[in-house]
Structures are given as structure tokens and as C-alpha cells.
């Protein structure tokens, strides 16, 4: 059974990267309590690069916790924390090979529909 481990939000920030300034919304923090899901994001959240992220069909990014385990082993690290990959929902039990476009999931009172593959 799938379980929400962490709900995460954050606003974009300008950062220096490879000699230029870019706007990124990757840094998020866990929400304490509920956050309303809206058409384009969760309350308290926004995307920095709306050409590559966000919009009605990519309003919420979900990341499977088993992927954390994979990358920790692959990179020889033990310091990953929830929201390391900029996801809005860190989940347990929704494996990438089991989730399909069109699937619907209830989180609290919201029903969210898988609309596009995750592109990382």
C-alpha cells in the first residue's frame, strides 16, 4: 500500500550556476499539517523553470523513496533526506514500474491524477 512520507513546498530562488543566474524551485521544505492542492501547485509552492516544470499537467512532482535508496547506493552516500530531489510528495510504495498515466491517488481530501511521466 502506498504511503505519503513527506509533503514539501518552496518558492523559486535565483542561484549562480555555471557562470549564470538561474531561477530554480528545487529547494523545498516539509509542510507541517495540510497544504491545499491547486490547479498549478500546492499552497506555498511554485516552479522556477515553468518551461520545463509546472503547469496544469505537471503541478505536483512525486518521488518514490526507493529511488532514494537506489541513488544512495549508486553514489555511495548516506546523507539524503526527504525532498532531496525537489519533489512535492515523497512516497513509499508507488514504484515507477507500477504507476500508469491516468491512475488516480487520494492524498487527504485531494484526488490527484497521473498525467505525465516524471522527467528528471
N, C-alpha and C. Protein backbone atom coordinates (compact mmCIF):
# COMPACT_ATOMS: atom_id res chain seq x y z
N UNK A 1 0.84 -1.19 0.00
CA UNK A 1 0.00 0.00 0.00
C UNK A 1 0.88 1.25 0.00
N UNK A 2 0.50 2.22 -0.78
CA UNK A 2 1.27 3.45 -0.89
C UNK A 2 1.08 4.32 0.35
N UNK A 3 2.12 5.07 0.68
CA UNK A 3 2.08 5.95 1.84
C UNK A 3 2.82 7.23 1.54
N UNK A 4 2.22 8.35 1.92
CA UNK A 4 2.88 9.64 1.82
C UNK A 4 3.85 9.77 2.99
N UNK A 5 5.13 9.98 2.68
CA UNK A 5 6.15 10.14 3.71
C UNK A 5 6.31 11.61 4.07
N UNK A 6 6.29 12.47 3.03
CA UNK A 6 6.52 13.89 3.27
C UNK A 6 5.87 14.71 2.16
N UNK A 7 5.19 15.79 2.55
CA UNK A 7 4.69 16.79 1.60
C UNK A 7 5.61 17.99 1.68
N UNK A 8 6.03 18.53 0.52
CA UNK A 8 7.10 19.53 0.51
C UNK A 8 6.76 20.70 -0.41
N UNK A 9 7.09 21.90 0.02
CA UNK A 9 6.84 23.09 -0.78
C UNK A 9 8.01 24.06 -0.67
N UNK A 10 8.07 24.98 -1.62
CA UNK A 10 9.09 26.02 -1.58
C UNK A 10 8.93 26.95 -2.77
N UNK A 11 9.44 28.15 -2.64
CA UNK A 11 9.38 29.13 -3.71
C UNK A 11 10.72 29.20 -4.44
N UNK A 12 10.70 29.55 -5.72
CA UNK A 12 11.93 29.63 -6.50
C UNK A 12 12.91 30.65 -5.95
N UNK A 13 14.18 30.37 -6.22
CA UNK A 13 15.27 31.26 -5.83
C UNK A 13 16.21 31.42 -7.02
N UNK A 14 16.82 32.58 -7.13
CA UNK A 14 17.87 32.78 -8.12
C UNK A 14 19.18 32.29 -7.53
N UNK A 15 19.91 31.47 -8.30
CA UNK A 15 21.19 30.95 -7.85
C UNK A 15 22.20 31.06 -8.99
N UNK A 16 23.46 31.16 -8.64
CA UNK A 16 24.52 31.15 -9.63
C UNK A 16 24.82 29.70 -10.00
N UNK A 17 24.88 29.41 -11.29
CA UNK A 17 25.16 28.07 -11.76
C UNK A 17 25.88 28.14 -13.10
N UNK A 18 27.08 27.60 -13.13
CA UNK A 18 27.89 27.58 -14.34
C UNK A 18 28.03 28.98 -14.97
N UNK A 19 28.30 29.94 -14.11
CA UNK A 19 28.59 31.29 -14.57
C UNK A 19 27.38 32.13 -14.94
N UNK A 20 26.18 31.67 -14.62
CA UNK A 20 25.00 32.49 -14.91
C UNK A 20 23.99 32.34 -13.77
N UNK A 21 23.02 33.21 -13.75
CA UNK A 21 21.97 33.16 -12.74
C UNK A 21 20.78 32.41 -13.31
N UNK A 22 20.32 31.42 -12.57
CA UNK A 22 19.14 30.65 -12.97
C UNK A 22 18.12 30.68 -11.83
N UNK A 23 16.86 30.56 -12.19
CA UNK A 23 15.79 30.51 -11.21
C UNK A 23 15.37 29.05 -11.04
N UNK A 24 15.41 28.56 -9.81
CA UNK A 24 15.07 27.17 -9.55
C UNK A 24 14.15 27.04 -8.34
N UNK A 25 13.25 26.09 -8.43
CA UNK A 25 12.36 25.80 -7.31
C UNK A 25 12.68 24.47 -6.67
N UNK A 26 13.90 23.98 -6.84
CA UNK A 26 14.25 22.65 -6.33
C UNK A 26 14.29 22.59 -4.81
N UNK A 27 14.61 23.69 -4.14
CA UNK A 27 14.72 23.65 -2.68
C UNK A 27 13.34 23.79 -2.07
N UNK A 28 12.94 22.74 -1.39
CA UNK A 28 11.64 22.70 -0.75
C UNK A 28 11.83 22.23 0.69
N UNK A 29 10.81 22.42 1.50
CA UNK A 29 10.85 22.00 2.89
C UNK A 29 9.55 21.28 3.22
N UNK A 30 9.61 20.32 4.14
CA UNK A 30 8.38 19.60 4.52
C UNK A 30 7.32 20.55 5.08
N UNK A 31 6.08 20.27 4.74
CA UNK A 31 4.93 21.02 5.23
C UNK A 31 4.52 20.44 6.57
N UNK A 32 4.24 21.29 7.52
CA UNK A 32 3.68 20.85 8.79
C UNK A 32 2.17 21.01 8.69
N UNK A 33 1.44 19.91 8.69
CA UNK A 33 -0.01 19.98 8.54
C UNK A 33 -0.41 19.83 7.08
N UNK A 34 -1.55 20.37 6.73
CA UNK A 34 -2.10 20.21 5.38
C UNK A 34 -1.67 21.35 4.46
N UNK A 35 -1.63 21.04 3.18
CA UNK A 35 -1.40 22.05 2.14
C UNK A 35 -2.44 21.82 1.04
N UNK A 36 -3.11 22.85 0.64
CA UNK A 36 -4.15 22.72 -0.38
C UNK A 36 -3.51 22.51 -1.75
N UNK A 37 -4.00 21.51 -2.46
CA UNK A 37 -3.58 21.29 -3.85
C UNK A 37 -4.44 22.17 -4.74
N UNK A 38 -3.77 22.93 -5.59
CA UNK A 38 -4.48 23.81 -6.53
C UNK A 38 -4.15 23.40 -7.95
N UNK A 39 -4.71 24.11 -8.89
CA UNK A 39 -4.57 23.77 -10.31
C UNK A 39 -3.12 23.76 -10.77
N UNK A 40 -2.28 24.65 -10.26
CA UNK A 40 -0.91 24.79 -10.74
C UNK A 40 0.16 24.38 -9.73
N UNK A 41 -0.22 24.12 -8.48
CA UNK A 41 0.77 23.77 -7.47
C UNK A 41 0.09 23.50 -6.13
N UNK A 42 0.89 23.31 -5.12
CA UNK A 42 0.41 23.23 -3.75
C UNK A 42 0.56 24.61 -3.12
N UNK A 43 -0.27 24.93 -2.14
CA UNK A 43 -0.08 26.19 -1.43
C UNK A 43 1.33 26.25 -0.88
N UNK A 44 2.01 27.39 -1.08
CA UNK A 44 3.37 27.57 -0.58
C UNK A 44 4.43 27.05 -1.52
N UNK A 45 4.03 26.70 -2.75
CA UNK A 45 4.98 26.13 -3.70
C UNK A 45 4.86 26.82 -5.06
N UNK A 46 5.96 26.81 -5.79
CA UNK A 46 5.96 27.33 -7.16
C UNK A 46 7.16 26.74 -7.88
N UNK A 47 7.12 26.78 -9.19
CA UNK A 47 8.21 26.28 -10.00
C UNK A 47 9.04 27.45 -10.53
N UNK A 48 10.34 27.24 -10.64
CA UNK A 48 11.23 28.29 -11.14
C UNK A 48 11.32 28.29 -12.66
N UNK A 49 11.39 27.12 -13.26
CA UNK A 49 11.52 26.97 -14.71
C UNK A 49 10.21 26.42 -15.25
N UNK A 50 9.27 27.30 -15.56
CA UNK A 50 7.95 26.84 -15.98
C UNK A 50 7.94 26.27 -17.40
N UNK A 51 9.03 26.45 -18.13
CA UNK A 51 9.11 25.81 -19.45
C UNK A 51 9.35 24.31 -19.29
N UNK A 52 10.03 23.91 -18.23
CA UNK A 52 10.35 22.51 -18.02
C UNK A 52 9.58 21.86 -16.90
N UNK A 53 8.91 22.66 -16.06
CA UNK A 53 8.21 22.14 -14.89
C UNK A 53 6.92 22.91 -14.70
N UNK A 54 6.00 22.31 -14.00
CA UNK A 54 4.76 23.01 -13.64
C UNK A 54 3.71 22.97 -14.73
N UNK A 55 2.72 23.81 -14.56
CA UNK A 55 1.57 23.81 -15.45
C UNK A 55 0.51 22.84 -14.96
N UNK A 56 -0.64 22.85 -15.58
CA UNK A 56 -1.75 22.02 -15.12
C UNK A 56 -1.42 20.53 -15.17
N UNK A 57 -0.62 20.11 -16.12
CA UNK A 57 -0.33 18.69 -16.27
C UNK A 57 0.91 18.25 -15.49
N UNK A 58 1.60 19.21 -14.83
CA UNK A 58 2.80 18.89 -14.04
C UNK A 58 2.85 19.75 -12.79
N UNK A 59 1.73 19.85 -12.11
CA UNK A 59 1.62 20.75 -10.97
C UNK A 59 2.30 20.22 -9.71
N UNK A 60 2.38 18.91 -9.57
CA UNK A 60 2.93 18.29 -8.38
C UNK A 60 3.92 17.21 -8.81
N UNK A 61 5.11 17.22 -8.21
CA UNK A 61 6.11 16.21 -8.55
C UNK A 61 6.19 15.20 -7.41
N UNK A 62 6.11 13.92 -7.77
CA UNK A 62 6.14 12.83 -6.80
C UNK A 62 7.43 12.04 -7.01
N UNK A 63 8.07 11.68 -5.91
CA UNK A 63 9.30 10.88 -5.99
C UNK A 63 9.20 9.72 -5.03
N UNK A 64 9.51 8.54 -5.52
CA UNK A 64 9.42 7.29 -4.77
C UNK A 64 10.65 7.13 -3.87
N UNK A 65 10.41 6.80 -2.61
CA UNK A 65 11.51 6.70 -1.66
C UNK A 65 12.50 5.60 -2.02
N UNK A 66 12.06 4.55 -2.69
CA UNK A 66 13.01 3.52 -3.13
C UNK A 66 14.06 4.10 -4.07
N UNK A 67 13.72 5.16 -4.79
CA UNK A 67 14.70 5.81 -5.66
C UNK A 67 15.79 6.47 -4.82
N UNK A 68 15.44 6.96 -3.63
CA UNK A 68 16.46 7.49 -2.71
C UNK A 68 17.45 6.38 -2.36
N UNK A 69 16.92 5.21 -2.05
CA UNK A 69 17.78 4.08 -1.70
C UNK A 69 18.70 3.73 -2.87
N UNK A 70 18.15 3.74 -4.07
CA UNK A 70 18.95 3.44 -5.26
C UNK A 70 20.10 4.43 -5.41
N UNK A 71 19.79 5.73 -5.36
CA UNK A 71 20.83 6.74 -5.57
C UNK A 71 21.84 6.77 -4.43
N UNK A 72 21.40 6.51 -3.21
CA UNK A 72 22.34 6.44 -2.08
C UNK A 72 23.35 5.33 -2.31
N UNK A 73 22.88 4.16 -2.74
CA UNK A 73 23.79 3.05 -3.02
C UNK A 73 24.66 3.34 -4.24
N UNK A 74 24.06 3.86 -5.30
CA UNK A 74 24.78 4.15 -6.54
C UNK A 74 25.89 5.18 -6.32
N UNK A 75 25.62 6.18 -5.49
CA UNK A 75 26.58 7.27 -5.27
C UNK A 75 27.41 7.08 -4.00
N UNK A 76 27.14 6.00 -3.25
CA UNK A 76 27.89 5.75 -2.02
C UNK A 76 27.66 6.83 -0.98
N UNK A 77 26.40 7.26 -0.84
CA UNK A 77 26.07 8.33 0.12
C UNK A 77 25.06 7.83 1.13
N UNK A 78 25.08 8.45 2.31
CA UNK A 78 24.11 8.12 3.34
C UNK A 78 23.48 9.37 3.95
N UNK A 79 23.57 10.49 3.21
CA UNK A 79 23.11 11.77 3.76
C UNK A 79 21.86 12.32 3.08
N UNK A 80 21.18 11.52 2.27
CA UNK A 80 19.97 12.01 1.61
C UNK A 80 18.84 12.16 2.62
N UNK A 81 18.04 13.19 2.43
CA UNK A 81 16.85 13.45 3.25
C UNK A 81 15.66 13.62 2.32
N UNK A 82 14.46 13.44 2.86
CA UNK A 82 13.26 13.67 2.05
C UNK A 82 13.35 15.05 1.42
N UNK A 83 12.92 15.17 0.22
CA UNK A 83 12.88 16.41 -0.58
C UNK A 83 14.24 16.73 -1.21
N UNK A 84 15.17 15.81 -1.14
CA UNK A 84 16.50 15.98 -1.74
C UNK A 84 16.40 16.25 -3.24
N UNK A 85 15.39 15.69 -3.89
CA UNK A 85 15.27 15.79 -5.34
C UNK A 85 14.20 16.80 -5.76
N UNK A 86 13.77 17.66 -4.84
CA UNK A 86 12.86 18.74 -5.17
C UNK A 86 11.41 18.33 -5.35
N UNK A 87 11.07 17.15 -4.85
CA UNK A 87 9.71 16.65 -5.04
C UNK A 87 8.73 17.31 -4.07
N UNK A 88 7.47 17.36 -4.50
CA UNK A 88 6.40 17.83 -3.62
C UNK A 88 5.92 16.73 -2.69
N UNK A 89 5.85 15.50 -3.20
CA UNK A 89 5.44 14.37 -2.38
C UNK A 89 6.52 13.31 -2.42
N UNK A 90 7.03 12.94 -1.25
CA UNK A 90 7.90 11.79 -1.12
C UNK A 90 6.99 10.64 -0.71
N UNK A 91 6.98 9.57 -1.50
CA UNK A 91 6.05 8.47 -1.24
C UNK A 91 6.78 7.15 -1.10
N UNK A 92 6.14 6.23 -0.44
CA UNK A 92 6.62 4.86 -0.30
C UNK A 92 5.56 3.97 -0.94
N UNK A 93 5.99 3.07 -1.82
CA UNK A 93 5.06 2.09 -2.35
C UNK A 93 4.45 2.39 -3.70
N UNK A 94 4.81 3.45 -4.36
CA UNK A 94 4.35 3.74 -5.73
C UNK A 94 5.54 3.57 -6.66
N UNK A 95 5.89 2.35 -6.95
CA UNK A 95 7.07 2.07 -7.76
C UNK A 95 6.84 2.52 -9.21
N UNK A 96 7.88 3.04 -9.81
CA UNK A 96 7.78 3.59 -11.17
C UNK A 96 7.20 2.60 -12.16
N UNK A 97 7.52 1.32 -12.01
CA UNK A 97 7.02 0.34 -12.98
C UNK A 97 5.59 -0.10 -12.71
N UNK A 98 4.96 0.43 -11.66
CA UNK A 98 3.58 0.09 -11.33
C UNK A 98 2.61 1.23 -11.58
N UNK A 99 3.10 2.45 -11.69
CA UNK A 99 2.26 3.64 -11.84
C UNK A 99 2.04 3.91 -13.33
N UNK A 100 0.80 4.21 -13.69
CA UNK A 100 0.45 4.45 -15.09
C UNK A 100 -0.23 5.80 -15.25
N UNK A 101 -0.05 6.41 -16.42
CA UNK A 101 -0.77 7.64 -16.74
C UNK A 101 -2.25 7.33 -16.65
N UNK A 102 -2.98 8.21 -15.98
CA UNK A 102 -4.41 8.03 -15.77
C UNK A 102 -4.74 7.49 -14.39
N UNK A 103 -3.76 6.88 -13.69
CA UNK A 103 -4.00 6.42 -12.32
C UNK A 103 -4.36 7.61 -11.44
N UNK A 104 -5.22 7.37 -10.47
CA UNK A 104 -5.63 8.42 -9.52
C UNK A 104 -5.28 7.97 -8.11
N UNK A 105 -4.85 8.94 -7.30
CA UNK A 105 -4.46 8.66 -5.92
C UNK A 105 -5.07 9.72 -5.02
N UNK A 106 -5.57 9.29 -3.87
CA UNK A 106 -6.13 10.21 -2.88
C UNK A 106 -5.07 10.50 -1.83
N UNK A 107 -4.84 11.78 -1.61
CA UNK A 107 -3.96 12.23 -0.53
C UNK A 107 -4.78 13.23 0.26
N UNK A 108 -5.14 12.87 1.47
CA UNK A 108 -6.07 13.70 2.25
C UNK A 108 -7.40 13.74 1.54
N UNK A 109 -7.90 14.94 1.26
CA UNK A 109 -9.17 15.07 0.55
C UNK A 109 -8.97 15.32 -0.94
N UNK A 110 -7.73 15.42 -1.38
CA UNK A 110 -7.45 15.67 -2.81
C UNK A 110 -7.33 14.35 -3.56
N UNK A 111 -7.82 14.35 -4.80
CA UNK A 111 -7.60 13.23 -5.70
C UNK A 111 -6.69 13.74 -6.81
N UNK A 112 -5.52 13.13 -6.94
CA UNK A 112 -4.53 13.55 -7.92
C UNK A 112 -4.43 12.49 -9.00
N UNK A 113 -4.30 12.94 -10.25
CA UNK A 113 -4.23 12.04 -11.39
C UNK A 113 -2.85 12.11 -12.03
N UNK A 114 -2.29 10.95 -12.34
CA UNK A 114 -1.01 10.90 -13.04
C UNK A 114 -1.28 11.32 -14.48
N UNK A 115 -0.61 12.40 -14.91
CA UNK A 115 -0.89 12.95 -16.24
C UNK A 115 0.29 12.87 -17.19
N UNK A 116 1.51 12.79 -16.63
CA UNK A 116 2.71 12.74 -17.46
C UNK A 116 3.78 11.96 -16.73
N UNK A 117 4.70 11.38 -17.49
CA UNK A 117 5.83 10.73 -16.81
C UNK A 117 6.71 11.76 -16.12
N UNK A 118 7.38 11.35 -15.07
CA UNK A 118 8.33 12.23 -14.39
C UNK A 118 9.57 12.31 -15.25
N UNK A 119 10.05 13.51 -15.49
CA UNK A 119 11.28 13.73 -16.24
C UNK A 119 12.26 14.36 -15.29
N UNK A 120 13.35 13.65 -15.00
CA UNK A 120 14.31 14.19 -14.04
C UNK A 120 15.62 14.47 -14.74
